[in-house]
């Protein structure tokens, strides 16, 4: 004996929100001035500020997103600032 076909609609697909690619500069604090670019051919990610011309480059993988590059830049800035504070003591 066969089953009856259900007429239930499949559940709606969840919409994924796009992640930002433009961020606030940690040096000049100008909002939306840092743009992140990923060069998958050379596996290099670059974040650069259009106002103060500061930039940061790092290696990337296939899973790297622009927010990851910006986060690494912020972490590196904090690490450098903490090393400077430790040297002064």
C-alpha atoms as a PDB file:
ATOM      1  CA  UNK A   1       0.000   0.000   0.000  1.00  0.00           C
ATOM      2  CA  UNK A   2       1.306   3.432  -0.905  1.00  0.00           C
ATOM      3  CA  UNK A   3       1.390   6.546   1.205  1.00  0.00           C
ATOM      4  CA  UNK A   4      -0.640   9.601   0.409  1.00  0.00           C
ATOM      5  CA  UNK A   5       1.307  12.562  -0.882  1.00  0.00           C
ATOM      6  CA  UNK A   6       1.451  15.444   1.540  1.00  0.00           C
ATOM      7  CA  UNK A   7       0.673  18.898   0.315  1.00  0.00           C
ATOM      8  CA  UNK A   8       2.655  20.619   3.064  1.00  0.00           C
ATOM      9  CA  UNK A   9       4.924  23.379   1.865  1.00  0.00           C
ATOM     10  CA  UNK A  10       8.585  23.176   2.814  1.00  0.00           C
ATOM     11  CA  UNK A  11       9.606  25.577   5.594  1.00  0.00           C
ATOM     12  CA  UNK A  12      10.790  28.988   4.408  1.00  0.00           C
ATOM     13  CA  UNK A  13      14.524  29.414   4.001  1.00  0.00           C
ATOM     14  CA  UNK A  14      16.278  31.509   6.612  1.00  0.00           C
ATOM     15  CA  UNK A  15      17.837  34.654   5.241  1.00  0.00           C
ATOM     16  CA  UNK A  16      21.450  35.097   6.238  1.00  0.00           C
ATOM     17  CA  UNK A  17      22.513  38.636   6.978  1.00  0.00           C
ATOM     18  CA  UNK A  18      25.492  39.922   5.052  1.00  0.00           C
ATOM     19  CA  UNK A  19      28.530  40.801   7.126  1.00  0.00           C
ATOM     20  CA  UNK A  20      29.983  44.297   6.982  1.00  0.00           C
ATOM     21  CA  UNK A  21      32.948  45.060   4.731  1.00  0.00           C
ATOM     22  CA  UNK A  22      33.403  48.681   5.884  1.00  0.00           C
ATOM     23  CA  UNK A  23      34.456  49.537   9.443  1.00  0.00           C
ATOM     24  CA  UNK A  24      35.568  52.307  11.817  1.00  0.00           C
ATOM     25  CA  UNK A  25      39.287  53.201  11.755  1.00  0.00           C
ATOM     26  CA  UNK A  26      41.146  52.474  15.035  1.00  0.00           C
ATOM     27  CA  UNK A  27      43.539  55.388  14.419  1.00  0.00           C
ATOM     28  CA  UNK A  28      41.402  58.309  13.216  1.00  0.00           C
ATOM     29  CA  UNK A  29      38.041  56.992  14.574  1.00  0.00           C
ATOM     30  CA  UNK A  30      36.332  57.950  11.321  1.00  0.00           C
ATOM     31  CA  UNK A  31      33.282  55.730  10.856  1.00  0.00           C
ATOM     32  CA  UNK A  32      33.022  53.587   7.733  1.00  0.00           C
ATOM     33  CA  UNK A  33      36.440  54.584   6.408  1.00  0.00           C
ATOM     34  CA  UNK A  34      38.207  51.205   6.633  1.00  0.00           C
ATOM     35  CA  UNK A  35      37.649  48.950   3.654  1.00  0.00           C
ATOM     36  CA  UNK A  36      38.701  45.305   3.655  1.00  0.00           C
ATOM     37  CA  UNK A  37      39.790  43.504   0.502  1.00  0.00           C
ATOM     38  CA  UNK A  38      40.656  39.834   0.071  1.00  0.00           C
ATOM     39  CA  UNK A  39      42.981  38.641  -2.681  1.00  0.00           C
ATOM     40  CA  UNK A  40      42.355  34.900  -2.867  1.00  0.00           C
ATOM     41  CA  UNK A  41      44.903  34.455  -5.663  1.00  0.00           C
ATOM     42  CA  UNK A  42      47.783  35.551  -3.408  1.00  0.00           C
ATOM     43  CA  UNK A  43      46.018  34.660  -0.099  1.00  0.00           C
ATOM     44  CA  UNK A  44      46.392  38.194   1.261  1.00  0.00           C
ATOM     45  CA  UNK A  45      43.786  40.232   3.093  1.00  0.00           C
ATOM     46  CA  UNK A  46      44.180  43.993   3.435  1.00  0.00           C
ATOM     47  CA  UNK A  47      42.329  46.542   5.546  1.00  0.00           C
ATOM     48  CA  UNK A  48      43.040  50.184   4.753  1.00  0.00           C
ATOM     49  CA  UNK A  49      41.634  53.519   5.918  1.00  0.00           C
ATOM     50  CA  UNK A  50      40.674  55.979   3.194  1.00  0.00           C
ATOM     51  CA  UNK A  51      41.096  58.970   5.522  1.00  0.00           C
ATOM     52  CA  UNK A  52      44.414  58.507   7.382  1.00  0.00           C
ATOM     53  CA  UNK A  53      45.922  55.981   4.903  1.00  0.00           C
ATOM     54  CA  UNK A  54      46.755  53.435   7.634  1.00  0.00           C
ATOM     55  CA  UNK A  55      46.696  49.832   6.434  1.00  0.00           C
ATOM     56  CA  UNK A  56      47.084  46.276   7.687  1.00  0.00           C
ATOM     57  CA  UNK A  57      47.802  43.087   5.730  1.00  0.00           C
ATOM     58  CA  UNK A  58      47.515  39.483   6.790  1.00  0.00           C
ATOM     59  CA  UNK A  59      47.361  36.012   5.293  1.00  0.00           C
ATOM     60  CA  UNK A  60      43.923  34.567   4.631  1.00  0.00           C
ATOM     61  CA  UNK A  61      42.286  31.200   4.041  1.00  0.00           C
ATOM     62  CA  UNK A  62      39.262  30.225   1.999  1.00  0.00           C
ATOM     63  CA  UNK A  63      37.033  30.788   5.044  1.00  0.00           C
ATOM     64  CA  UNK A  64      38.299  34.280   5.898  1.00  0.00           C
ATOM     65  CA  UNK A  65      35.765  37.122   5.825  1.00  0.00           C
ATOM     66  CA  UNK A  66      36.428  40.900   5.905  1.00  0.00           C
ATOM     67  CA  UNK A  67      35.384  41.070   9.582  1.00  0.00           C
ATOM     68  CA  UNK A  68      38.156  38.563  10.376  1.00  0.00           C
ATOM     69  CA  UNK A  69      40.795  40.824   8.817  1.00  0.00           C
ATOM     70  CA  UNK A  70      39.497  43.864  10.710  1.00  0.00           C
ATOM     71  CA  UNK A  71      39.409  41.884  13.973  1.00  0.00           C
ATOM     72  CA  UNK A  72      43.015  40.770  13.490  1.00  0.00           C
ATOM     73  CA  UNK A  73      44.001  44.419  12.922  1.00  0.00           C
ATOM     74  CA  UNK A  74      42.280  45.515  16.135  1.00  0.00           C
ATOM     75  CA  UNK A  75      43.903  42.620  18.053  1.00  0.00           C
ATOM     76  CA  UNK A  76      47.340  43.549  16.673  1.00  0.00           C
ATOM     77  CA  UNK A  77      46.852  47.204  17.683  1.00  0.00           C
ATOM     78  CA  UNK A  78      45.916  46.138  21.219  1.00  0.00           C
ATOM     79  CA  UNK A  79      48.878  43.749  21.403  1.00  0.00           C
ATOM     80  CA  UNK A  80      51.328  46.469  20.314  1.00  0.00           C
ATOM     81  CA  UNK A  81      49.829  48.957  22.796  1.00  0.00           C
ATOM     82  CA  UNK A  82      50.096  46.427  25.649  1.00  0.00           C
ATOM     83  CA  UNK A  83      53.760  45.699  24.823  1.00  0.00           C
ATOM     84  CA  UNK A  84      54.501  49.447  24.898  1.00  0.00           C
ATOM     85  CA  UNK A  85      52.762  49.787  28.281  1.00  0.00           C
ATOM     86  CA  UNK A  86      54.772  46.864  29.700  1.00  0.00           C
ATOM     87  CA  UNK A  87      58.086  48.404  28.537  1.00  0.00           C
ATOM     88  CA  UNK A  88      57.346  51.685  30.336  1.00  0.00           C
ATOM     89  CA  UNK A  89      56.908  49.960  33.727  1.00  0.00           C
END
